[in-house]
């Protein structure tokens, strides 16, 4: 049974997944549960969607004509769709980690502020360690463009493992 919970924040960038080889190298599978946390902005509900007219329905003689009917798309439907898409995109990653012996779960969070979403997840799941990749900013760039990892390392009350992958 894993003793520690490790939160790995991910997004759609390749950079975010570059922490994974380090996780496998330094964090043992038998003592740690990995929680992949994908955070994105909350959907607003798109209003009305286009009907699917490719369903193959063929009207019979005498039937009333079938007109397109718009139906509402709710925020919860968009969240479900985004979650399913993220699960499909990360299926290879979660499969590789499970094959390596890790207990892995995937959580999709919806928040305008990714740092606050990560901090809330740390509190709610009683996370022991955060592991993530970052780009190093130096000088004036760092002053004006502090990144999520930097802010998180300052605000989190738990250890944060940061890697700066080599430039290609």
N, C-alpha and C. Protein backbone atom coordinates (compact mmCIF):
# COMPACT_ATOMS: atom_id res chain seq x y z
N UNK A 1 0.84 -1.18 0.00
CA UNK A 1 0.00 0.00 0.00
C UNK A 1 0.89 1.25 0.00
N UNK A 2 0.70 2.15 -0.97
CA UNK A 2 1.53 3.35 -1.05
C UNK A 2 1.39 4.22 0.21
N UNK A 3 2.51 4.71 0.71
CA UNK A 3 2.51 5.55 1.90
C UNK A 3 2.43 7.03 1.56
N UNK A 4 2.87 7.40 0.37
CA UNK A 4 2.92 8.82 -0.02
C UNK A 4 2.08 9.08 -1.25
N UNK A 5 1.55 10.29 -1.31
CA UNK A 5 0.81 10.73 -2.49
C UNK A 5 1.63 11.81 -3.20
N UNK A 6 1.90 11.57 -4.48
CA UNK A 6 2.69 12.50 -5.28
C UNK A 6 1.78 13.10 -6.35
N UNK A 7 1.64 14.41 -6.33
CA UNK A 7 0.83 15.11 -7.32
C UNK A 7 1.73 15.57 -8.46
N UNK A 8 1.33 15.25 -9.69
CA UNK A 8 2.09 15.64 -10.87
C UNK A 8 1.19 16.50 -11.75
N UNK A 9 1.33 17.84 -11.65
CA UNK A 9 0.52 18.72 -12.49
C UNK A 9 0.94 18.59 -13.96
N UNK A 10 -0.04 18.46 -14.83
CA UNK A 10 0.21 18.35 -16.26
C UNK A 10 -0.66 19.34 -17.00
N UNK A 11 -0.21 19.68 -18.20
CA UNK A 11 -1.05 20.44 -19.13
C UNK A 11 -0.79 19.88 -20.52
N UNK A 12 -1.14 20.59 -21.55
CA UNK A 12 -1.00 20.05 -22.90
C UNK A 12 0.40 20.21 -23.47
N UNK A 13 1.31 20.77 -22.71
CA UNK A 13 2.66 20.95 -23.23
C UNK A 13 3.49 19.70 -23.01
N UNK A 14 4.45 19.48 -23.90
CA UNK A 14 5.38 18.37 -23.73
C UNK A 14 6.25 18.59 -22.50
N UNK A 15 6.52 19.84 -22.19
CA UNK A 15 7.34 20.17 -21.03
C UNK A 15 6.77 19.55 -19.76
N UNK A 16 5.47 19.62 -19.58
CA UNK A 16 4.89 19.14 -18.33
C UNK A 16 5.14 17.65 -18.11
N UNK A 17 5.24 16.88 -19.18
CA UNK A 17 5.46 15.44 -19.05
C UNK A 17 6.93 15.08 -18.91
N UNK A 18 7.83 16.04 -19.04
CA UNK A 18 9.25 15.74 -18.93
C UNK A 18 9.69 15.45 -17.50
N UNK A 19 8.79 15.60 -16.54
CA UNK A 19 9.09 15.21 -15.16
C UNK A 19 9.00 13.70 -14.99
N UNK A 20 8.27 13.02 -15.84
CA UNK A 20 7.97 11.60 -15.64
C UNK A 20 9.20 10.69 -15.56
N UNK A 21 10.22 10.84 -16.41
CA UNK A 21 11.40 9.99 -16.24
C UNK A 21 12.09 10.19 -14.88
N UNK A 22 12.06 11.40 -14.37
CA UNK A 22 12.64 11.68 -13.06
C UNK A 22 11.81 11.05 -11.94
N UNK A 23 10.50 11.08 -12.11
CA UNK A 23 9.62 10.42 -11.14
C UNK A 23 9.96 8.94 -11.07
N UNK A 24 10.08 8.30 -12.24
CA UNK A 24 10.39 6.88 -12.26
C UNK A 24 11.79 6.59 -11.69
N UNK A 25 12.70 7.51 -11.87
CA UNK A 25 14.07 7.31 -11.40
C UNK A 25 14.19 7.50 -9.89
N UNK A 26 13.51 8.49 -9.32
CA UNK A 26 13.73 8.86 -7.93
C UNK A 26 12.59 8.52 -6.97
N UNK A 27 11.44 8.16 -7.49
CA UNK A 27 10.28 7.90 -6.63
C UNK A 27 9.85 6.45 -6.84
N UNK A 28 9.94 5.66 -5.77
CA UNK A 28 9.67 4.23 -5.90
C UNK A 28 8.18 3.96 -6.11
N UNK A 29 7.91 2.91 -6.88
CA UNK A 29 6.53 2.55 -7.21
C UNK A 29 5.80 1.94 -6.01
N UNK A 30 6.52 1.22 -5.18
CA UNK A 30 5.85 0.50 -4.10
C UNK A 30 5.43 1.41 -2.94
N UNK A 31 6.06 2.56 -2.77
CA UNK A 31 5.76 3.42 -1.63
C UNK A 31 5.02 4.71 -2.00
N UNK A 32 4.69 4.89 -3.27
CA UNK A 32 4.12 6.17 -3.70
C UNK A 32 2.96 5.98 -4.66
N UNK A 33 1.91 6.72 -4.42
CA UNK A 33 0.77 6.79 -5.33
C UNK A 33 0.93 8.05 -6.17
N UNK A 34 0.79 7.93 -7.48
CA UNK A 34 0.92 9.08 -8.37
C UNK A 34 -0.47 9.59 -8.75
N UNK A 35 -0.66 10.88 -8.63
CA UNK A 35 -1.91 11.51 -9.04
C UNK A 35 -1.55 12.51 -10.12
N UNK A 36 -1.91 12.19 -11.35
CA UNK A 36 -1.70 13.10 -12.47
C UNK A 36 -2.83 14.12 -12.43
N UNK A 37 -2.49 15.39 -12.35
CA UNK A 37 -3.49 16.44 -12.20
C UNK A 37 -3.43 17.37 -13.39
N UNK A 38 -4.45 17.29 -14.22
CA UNK A 38 -4.55 18.13 -15.42
C UNK A 38 -5.52 19.25 -15.07
N UNK A 39 -5.04 20.48 -15.10
CA UNK A 39 -5.90 21.61 -14.76
C UNK A 39 -6.09 22.48 -16.00
N UNK A 40 -7.32 22.90 -16.20
CA UNK A 40 -7.66 23.74 -17.34
C UNK A 40 -8.74 24.73 -16.91
N UNK A 41 -8.95 25.72 -17.74
CA UNK A 41 -9.98 26.72 -17.44
C UNK A 41 -11.36 26.05 -17.45
N UNK A 42 -12.26 26.53 -16.60
CA UNK A 42 -13.60 25.95 -16.60
C UNK A 42 -14.36 26.35 -17.86
N UNK A 43 -15.13 25.42 -18.42
CA UNK A 43 -15.95 25.79 -19.58
C UNK A 43 -17.10 26.67 -19.13
N UNK A 44 -17.64 27.41 -20.06
CA UNK A 44 -18.72 28.34 -19.71
C UNK A 44 -20.08 27.87 -20.20
N UNK A 45 -20.12 26.74 -20.86
CA UNK A 45 -21.36 26.33 -21.50
C UNK A 45 -21.43 27.03 -22.84
N UNK A 46 -21.50 26.28 -23.91
CA UNK A 46 -21.36 26.85 -25.24
C UNK A 46 -22.67 27.32 -25.82
N UNK A 47 -23.73 27.25 -25.05
CA UNK A 47 -25.01 27.67 -25.62
C UNK A 47 -25.67 26.52 -26.34
N UNK A 48 -25.71 26.57 -27.65
CA UNK A 48 -26.38 25.54 -28.42
C UNK A 48 -25.43 24.93 -29.43
N UNK A 49 -25.50 23.63 -29.56
CA UNK A 49 -24.63 22.91 -30.47
C UNK A 49 -25.29 22.64 -31.80
N UNK A 50 -24.49 22.32 -32.76
CA UNK A 50 -25.01 21.97 -34.07
C UNK A 50 -25.58 20.55 -34.03
N UNK A 51 -26.68 20.31 -34.70
CA UNK A 51 -27.23 18.95 -34.73
C UNK A 51 -26.36 18.03 -35.58
N UNK A 52 -26.41 16.75 -35.26
CA UNK A 52 -25.66 15.75 -36.03
C UNK A 52 -26.59 15.23 -37.12
N UNK A 53 -26.39 15.72 -38.33
CA UNK A 53 -27.25 15.31 -39.44
C UNK A 53 -26.68 14.10 -40.17
N UNK A 54 -25.59 13.55 -39.68
CA UNK A 54 -24.99 12.40 -40.36
C UNK A 54 -25.42 11.09 -39.72
N UNK A 55 -26.52 11.09 -39.00
CA UNK A 55 -26.95 9.90 -38.27
C UNK A 55 -27.51 8.83 -39.21
N UNK A 56 -27.77 9.15 -40.46
CA UNK A 56 -28.25 8.14 -41.40
C UNK A 56 -29.76 7.97 -41.44
N UNK A 57 -30.48 8.87 -40.85
CA UNK A 57 -31.93 8.77 -40.87
C UNK A 57 -32.45 9.05 -42.28
N UNK A 58 -33.30 8.17 -42.76
CA UNK A 58 -33.90 8.35 -44.08
C UNK A 58 -35.41 8.47 -43.89
N UNK A 59 -35.99 9.63 -44.23
CA UNK A 59 -37.44 9.79 -44.04
C UNK A 59 -38.23 8.88 -44.96
N UNK A 60 -39.38 8.42 -44.45
CA UNK A 60 -40.28 7.59 -45.25
C UNK A 60 -41.28 8.50 -45.95
N UNK A 61 -41.86 8.01 -47.03
CA UNK A 61 -42.87 8.83 -47.72
C UNK A 61 -43.99 9.23 -46.76
N UNK A 62 -44.34 10.48 -46.79
CA UNK A 62 -45.42 11.00 -45.94
C UNK A 62 -44.94 11.55 -44.60
N UNK A 63 -43.65 11.32 -44.24
CA UNK A 63 -43.12 11.86 -42.99
C UNK A 63 -42.98 13.37 -43.10
N UNK A 64 -43.09 14.02 -41.96
CA UNK A 64 -42.81 15.44 -41.90
C UNK A 64 -41.32 15.63 -42.14
N UNK A 65 -40.91 16.70 -42.78
CA UNK A 65 -39.47 16.93 -42.97
C UNK A 65 -38.77 17.10 -41.62
N UNK A 66 -37.59 16.52 -41.54
CA UNK A 66 -36.81 16.63 -40.31
C UNK A 66 -35.96 17.89 -40.40
N UNK A 67 -36.24 18.80 -39.52
CA UNK A 67 -35.49 20.05 -39.48
C UNK A 67 -34.45 20.00 -38.36
N UNK A 68 -33.36 20.67 -38.55
CA UNK A 68 -32.37 20.69 -37.47
C UNK A 68 -32.96 21.30 -36.21
N UNK A 69 -32.72 20.67 -35.09
CA UNK A 69 -33.16 21.17 -33.80
C UNK A 69 -31.91 21.38 -32.96
N UNK A 70 -31.72 22.57 -32.52
CA UNK A 70 -30.57 22.85 -31.68
C UNK A 70 -30.89 22.44 -30.25
N UNK A 71 -29.90 21.93 -29.59
CA UNK A 71 -30.06 21.54 -28.19
C UNK A 71 -28.97 22.23 -27.37
N UNK A 72 -29.27 22.50 -26.11
CA UNK A 72 -28.27 23.20 -25.29
C UNK A 72 -27.09 22.29 -24.95
N UNK A 73 -25.93 22.90 -24.83
CA UNK A 73 -24.74 22.21 -24.34
C UNK A 73 -24.41 22.85 -23.01
N UNK A 74 -24.47 22.04 -21.98
CA UNK A 74 -24.27 22.54 -20.62
C UNK A 74 -22.81 22.45 -20.21
N UNK A 75 -22.46 23.25 -19.22
CA UNK A 75 -21.10 23.28 -18.69
C UNK A 75 -20.66 21.89 -18.25
N UNK A 76 -21.55 21.15 -17.58
CA UNK A 76 -21.20 19.81 -17.09
C UNK A 76 -20.91 18.86 -18.26
N UNK A 77 -21.61 19.03 -19.38
CA UNK A 77 -21.34 18.21 -20.55
C UNK A 77 -19.97 18.53 -21.13
N UNK A 78 -19.63 19.80 -21.15
CA UNK A 78 -18.31 20.19 -21.64
C UNK A 78 -17.22 19.64 -20.72
N UNK A 79 -17.43 19.70 -19.40
CA UNK A 79 -16.46 19.15 -18.47
C UNK A 79 -16.28 17.65 -18.69
N UNK A 80 -17.38 16.94 -18.88
CA UNK A 80 -17.30 15.49 -19.14
C UNK A 80 -16.53 15.22 -20.43
N UNK A 81 -16.78 16.03 -21.44
CA UNK A 81 -16.11 15.85 -22.73
C UNK A 81 -14.61 16.13 -22.60
N UNK A 82 -14.25 17.20 -21.89
CA UNK A 82 -12.84 17.53 -21.68
C UNK A 82 -12.15 16.42 -20.89
N UNK A 83 -12.81 15.95 -19.84
CA UNK A 83 -12.25 14.88 -19.01
C UNK A 83 -11.99 13.63 -19.85
N UNK A 84 -12.96 13.24 -20.67
CA UNK A 84 -12.79 12.06 -21.52
C UNK A 84 -11.64 12.26 -22.50
N UNK A 85 -11.52 13.45 -23.04
CA UNK A 85 -10.43 13.75 -23.99
C UNK A 85 -9.07 13.66 -23.29
N UNK A 86 -8.97 14.23 -22.09
CA UNK A 86 -7.70 14.18 -21.34
C UNK A 86 -7.35 12.73 -20.99
N UNK A 87 -8.33 11.96 -20.55
CA UNK A 87 -8.09 10.55 -20.23
C UNK A 87 -7.56 9.79 -21.44
N UNK A 88 -8.15 10.07 -22.60
CA UNK A 88 -7.70 9.40 -23.83
C UNK A 88 -6.28 9.84 -24.20
N UNK A 89 -5.99 11.14 -24.10
CA UNK A 89 -4.66 11.64 -24.45
C UNK A 89 -3.58 11.11 -23.53
N UNK A 90 -3.91 10.89 -22.26
CA UNK A 90 -2.91 10.46 -21.29
C UNK A 90 -2.94 8.96 -21.02
N UNK A 91 -3.72 8.24 -21.81
CA UNK A 91 -3.83 6.79 -21.61
C UNK A 91 -2.47 6.10 -21.72
N UNK A 92 -1.65 6.51 -22.66
CA UNK A 92 -0.32 5.92 -22.83
C UNK A 92 0.53 6.19 -21.59
N UNK A 93 0.50 7.42 -21.10
CA UNK A 93 1.30 7.80 -19.92
C UNK A 93 0.85 7.00 -18.70
N UNK A 94 -0.45 6.98 -18.44
CA UNK A 94 -0.93 6.25 -17.27
C UNK A 94 -0.65 4.76 -17.41
N UNK A 95 -0.77 4.23 -18.61
CA UNK A 95 -0.47 2.81 -18.84
C UNK A 95 0.99 2.49 -18.57
N UNK A 96 1.89 3.34 -19.03
CA UNK A 96 3.33 3.11 -18.80
C UNK A 96 3.67 3.16 -17.32
N UNK A 97 3.08 4.10 -16.60
CA UNK A 97 3.34 4.20 -15.17
C UNK A 97 2.76 3.00 -14.42
N UNK A 98 1.59 2.55 -14.81
CA UNK A 98 1.00 1.35 -14.18
C UNK A 98 1.85 0.12 -14.49
N UNK A 99 2.33 0.02 -15.72
CA UNK A 99 3.20 -1.10 -16.09
C UNK A 99 4.50 -1.08 -15.27
N UNK A 100 4.94 0.11 -14.86
CA UNK A 100 6.15 0.22 -14.04
C UNK A 100 5.86 -0.07 -12.56
N UNK A 101 4.59 -0.35 -12.23
CA UNK A 101 4.22 -0.73 -10.87
C UNK A 101 3.59 0.34 -10.03
N UNK A 102 3.37 1.52 -10.58
CA UNK A 102 2.78 2.62 -9.81
C UNK A 102 1.27 2.48 -9.72
N UNK A 103 0.74 2.93 -8.60
CA UNK A 103 -0.70 3.15 -8.49
C UNK A 103 -0.93 4.56 -9.02
N UNK A 104 -1.72 4.69 -10.10
CA UNK A 104 -1.87 5.97 -10.79
C UNK A 104 -3.34 6.33 -10.90
N UNK A 105 -3.63 7.59 -10.64
CA UNK A 105 -4.97 8.11 -10.90
C UNK A 105 -4.83 9.41 -11.67
N UNK A 106 -5.86 9.73 -12.42
CA UNK A 106 -5.88 10.95 -13.22
C UNK A 106 -7.05 11.80 -12.74
N UNK A 107 -6.76 13.05 -12.43
CA UNK A 107 -7.78 13.99 -11.98
C UNK A 107 -7.75 15.19 -12.91
N UNK A 108 -8.92 15.61 -13.36
CA UNK A 108 -9.02 16.82 -14.19
C UNK A 108 -9.68 17.89 -13.34
N UNK A 109 -8.98 19.02 -13.22
CA UNK A 109 -9.51 20.14 -12.46
C UNK A 109 -9.86 21.30 -13.36
N UNK A 110 -10.87 22.05 -12.98
CA UNK A 110 -11.32 23.20 -13.76
C UNK A 110 -11.22 24.44 -12.88
N UNK A 111 -10.30 25.34 -13.25
CA UNK A 111 -10.09 26.55 -12.46
C UNK A 111 -9.40 27.59 -13.33
N UNK A 112 -9.71 28.85 -13.11
CA UNK A 112 -9.06 29.94 -13.86
C UNK A 112 -7.63 30.15 -13.39
N UNK A 113 -7.35 29.78 -12.15
CA UNK A 113 -6.02 29.98 -11.58
C UNK A 113 -5.39 28.62 -11.30
N UNK A 114 -4.45 28.18 -12.15
CA UNK A 114 -3.87 26.84 -11.97
C UNK A 114 -3.15 26.67 -10.64
N UNK A 115 -2.51 27.71 -10.13
CA UNK A 115 -1.82 27.58 -8.84
C UNK A 115 -2.82 27.31 -7.73
N UNK A 116 -3.90 28.06 -7.71
CA UNK A 116 -4.92 27.84 -6.68
C UNK A 116 -5.55 26.46 -6.80
N UNK A 117 -5.74 25.99 -8.03
CA UNK A 117 -6.29 24.64 -8.24
C UNK A 117 -5.35 23.58 -7.69
N UNK A 118 -4.07 23.75 -7.93
CA UNK A 118 -3.07 22.78 -7.44
C UNK A 118 -3.01 22.83 -5.92
N UNK A 119 -3.00 24.03 -5.34
CA UNK A 119 -2.97 24.15 -3.89
C UNK A 119 -4.22 23.53 -3.24
N UNK A 120 -5.35 23.71 -3.85
CA UNK A 120 -6.59 23.10 -3.34
C UNK A 120 -6.50 21.58 -3.41
N UNK A 121 -5.94 21.06 -4.50
CA UNK A 121 -5.80 19.62 -4.66
C UNK A 121 -4.83 19.07 -3.61
N UNK A 122 -3.78 19.80 -3.31
CA UNK A 122 -2.82 19.40 -2.27
C UNK A 122 -3.54 19.26 -0.93
N UNK A 123 -4.36 20.25 -0.60
CA UNK A 123 -5.10 20.22 0.68
C UNK A 123 -6.14 19.10 0.68
N UNK A 124 -6.93 19.02 -0.39
CA UNK A 124 -8.04 18.06 -0.41
C UNK A 124 -7.59 16.61 -0.40
N UNK A 125 -6.50 16.30 -1.06
CA UNK A 125 -6.04 14.91 -1.15
C UNK A 125 -4.88 14.59 -0.20
N UNK A 126 -4.52 15.58 0.62
CA UNK A 126 -3.41 15.39 1.56
C UNK A 126 -2.15 14.89 0.84
N UNK A 127 -1.75 15.65 -0.16
CA UNK A 127 -0.59 15.33 -0.99
C UNK A 127 0.70 15.51 -0.17
N UNK A 128 1.66 14.61 -0.41
CA UNK A 128 2.94 14.66 0.30
C UNK A 128 4.05 15.34 -0.50
N UNK A 129 3.95 15.31 -1.83
CA UNK A 129 5.00 15.86 -2.69
C UNK A 129 4.38 16.27 -4.02
N UNK A 130 4.84 17.39 -4.56
CA UNK A 130 4.47 17.80 -5.91
C UNK A 130 5.72 17.65 -6.78
N UNK A 131 5.57 17.05 -7.95
CA UNK A 131 6.68 16.89 -8.89
C UNK A 131 6.27 17.48 -10.22
N UNK A 132 7.09 18.40 -10.75
CA UNK A 132 6.74 19.01 -12.03
C UNK A 132 7.97 19.57 -12.73
N UNK A 133 7.84 19.73 -14.03
CA UNK A 133 8.89 20.35 -14.84
C UNK A 133 8.62 21.85 -14.93
N UNK A 134 9.70 22.59 -15.19
CA UNK A 134 9.56 24.03 -15.31
C UNK A 134 10.59 24.56 -16.29
N UNK A 135 10.34 25.71 -16.81
CA UNK A 135 11.34 26.43 -17.59
C UNK A 135 11.99 27.42 -16.64
N UNK A 136 13.26 27.50 -16.67
CA UNK A 136 13.95 28.46 -15.81
C UNK A 136 13.91 29.83 -16.47
N UNK A 137 13.53 30.81 -15.70
CA UNK A 137 13.57 32.20 -16.16
C UNK A 137 14.63 32.90 -15.33
N UNK A 138 15.40 33.74 -15.95
CA UNK A 138 16.45 34.45 -15.22
C UNK A 138 16.32 35.94 -15.48
N UNK A 139 16.86 36.72 -14.55
CA UNK A 139 16.93 38.17 -14.73
C UNK A 139 15.57 38.82 -14.86
N UNK A 140 15.48 39.76 -15.79
CA UNK A 140 14.26 40.53 -15.99
C UNK A 140 13.09 39.63 -16.39
N UNK A 141 13.37 38.61 -17.18
CA UNK A 141 12.30 37.70 -17.60
C UNK A 141 11.65 37.05 -16.38
N UNK A 142 12.47 36.61 -15.43
CA UNK A 142 11.94 35.98 -14.23
C UNK A 142 11.10 36.99 -13.44
N UNK A 143 11.57 38.22 -13.35
CA UNK A 143 10.85 39.24 -12.59
C UNK A 143 9.46 39.47 -13.16
N UNK A 144 9.34 39.57 -14.46
CA UNK A 144 8.05 39.88 -15.08
C UNK A 144 7.19 38.66 -15.35
N UNK A 145 7.80 37.50 -15.56
CA UNK A 145 7.05 36.31 -15.96
C UNK A 145 7.29 35.15 -14.99
N UNK A 146 6.93 35.32 -13.74
CA UNK A 146 7.08 34.23 -12.77
C UNK A 146 6.13 33.12 -13.18
N UNK A 147 6.64 31.92 -13.23
CA UNK A 147 5.79 30.83 -13.72
C UNK A 147 5.09 30.11 -12.59
N UNK A 148 4.22 29.20 -12.95
CA UNK A 148 3.40 28.45 -12.00
C UNK A 148 4.27 27.69 -11.02
N UNK A 149 5.32 27.04 -11.50
CA UNK A 149 6.17 26.23 -10.63
C UNK A 149 6.83 27.10 -9.56
N UNK A 150 7.30 28.26 -9.93
CA UNK A 150 7.95 29.17 -9.00
C UNK A 150 6.99 29.61 -7.90
N UNK A 151 5.81 30.01 -8.29
CA UNK A 151 4.80 30.45 -7.33
C UNK A 151 4.38 29.29 -6.44
N UNK A 152 4.19 28.12 -7.03
CA UNK A 152 3.79 26.94 -6.27
C UNK A 152 4.85 26.55 -5.25
N UNK A 153 6.11 26.61 -5.66
CA UNK A 153 7.20 26.26 -4.74
C UNK A 153 7.21 27.20 -3.53
N UNK A 154 6.78 28.43 -3.71
CA UNK A 154 6.74 29.38 -2.60
C UNK A 154 5.51 29.21 -1.73
N UNK A 155 4.38 28.85 -2.33
CA UNK A 155 3.12 28.81 -1.58
C UNK A 155 2.79 27.44 -0.98
N UNK A 156 3.26 26.38 -1.60
CA UNK A 156 2.92 25.04 -1.10
C UNK A 156 3.60 24.80 0.24
N UNK A 157 2.92 24.14 1.12
CA UNK A 157 3.49 23.85 2.43
C UNK A 157 4.05 22.43 2.48
N UNK A 158 4.33 21.87 1.32
CA UNK A 158 4.92 20.54 1.19
C UNK A 158 6.10 20.63 0.23
N UNK A 159 6.95 19.62 0.17
CA UNK A 159 8.05 19.65 -0.79
C UNK A 159 7.56 19.69 -2.24
N UNK A 160 8.28 20.43 -3.06
CA UNK A 160 8.00 20.52 -4.49
C UNK A 160 9.28 20.15 -5.24
N UNK A 161 9.22 19.09 -6.01
CA UNK A 161 10.35 18.65 -6.83
C UNK A 161 10.22 19.29 -8.20
N UNK A 162 11.17 20.14 -8.57
CA UNK A 162 11.14 20.82 -9.85
C UNK A 162 12.32 20.36 -10.68
N UNK A 163 12.07 20.10 -11.96
CA UNK A 163 13.15 19.79 -12.88
C UNK A 163 13.12 20.81 -14.00
N UNK A 164 14.30 21.11 -14.47
CA UNK A 164 14.42 21.96 -15.63
C UNK A 164 15.05 21.10 -16.72
N UNK A 165 14.22 20.52 -17.59
CA UNK A 165 14.75 19.65 -18.63
C UNK A 165 15.73 20.41 -19.55
N UNK A 166 16.72 19.71 -20.07
CA UNK A 166 17.67 20.37 -20.96
C UNK A 166 16.98 20.89 -22.22
N UNK A 167 17.49 22.00 -22.73
CA UNK A 167 16.97 22.56 -23.98
C UNK A 167 17.36 21.66 -25.14
N UNK A 168 16.47 21.53 -26.11
CA UNK A 168 16.79 20.73 -27.32
C UNK A 168 17.52 21.53 -28.34
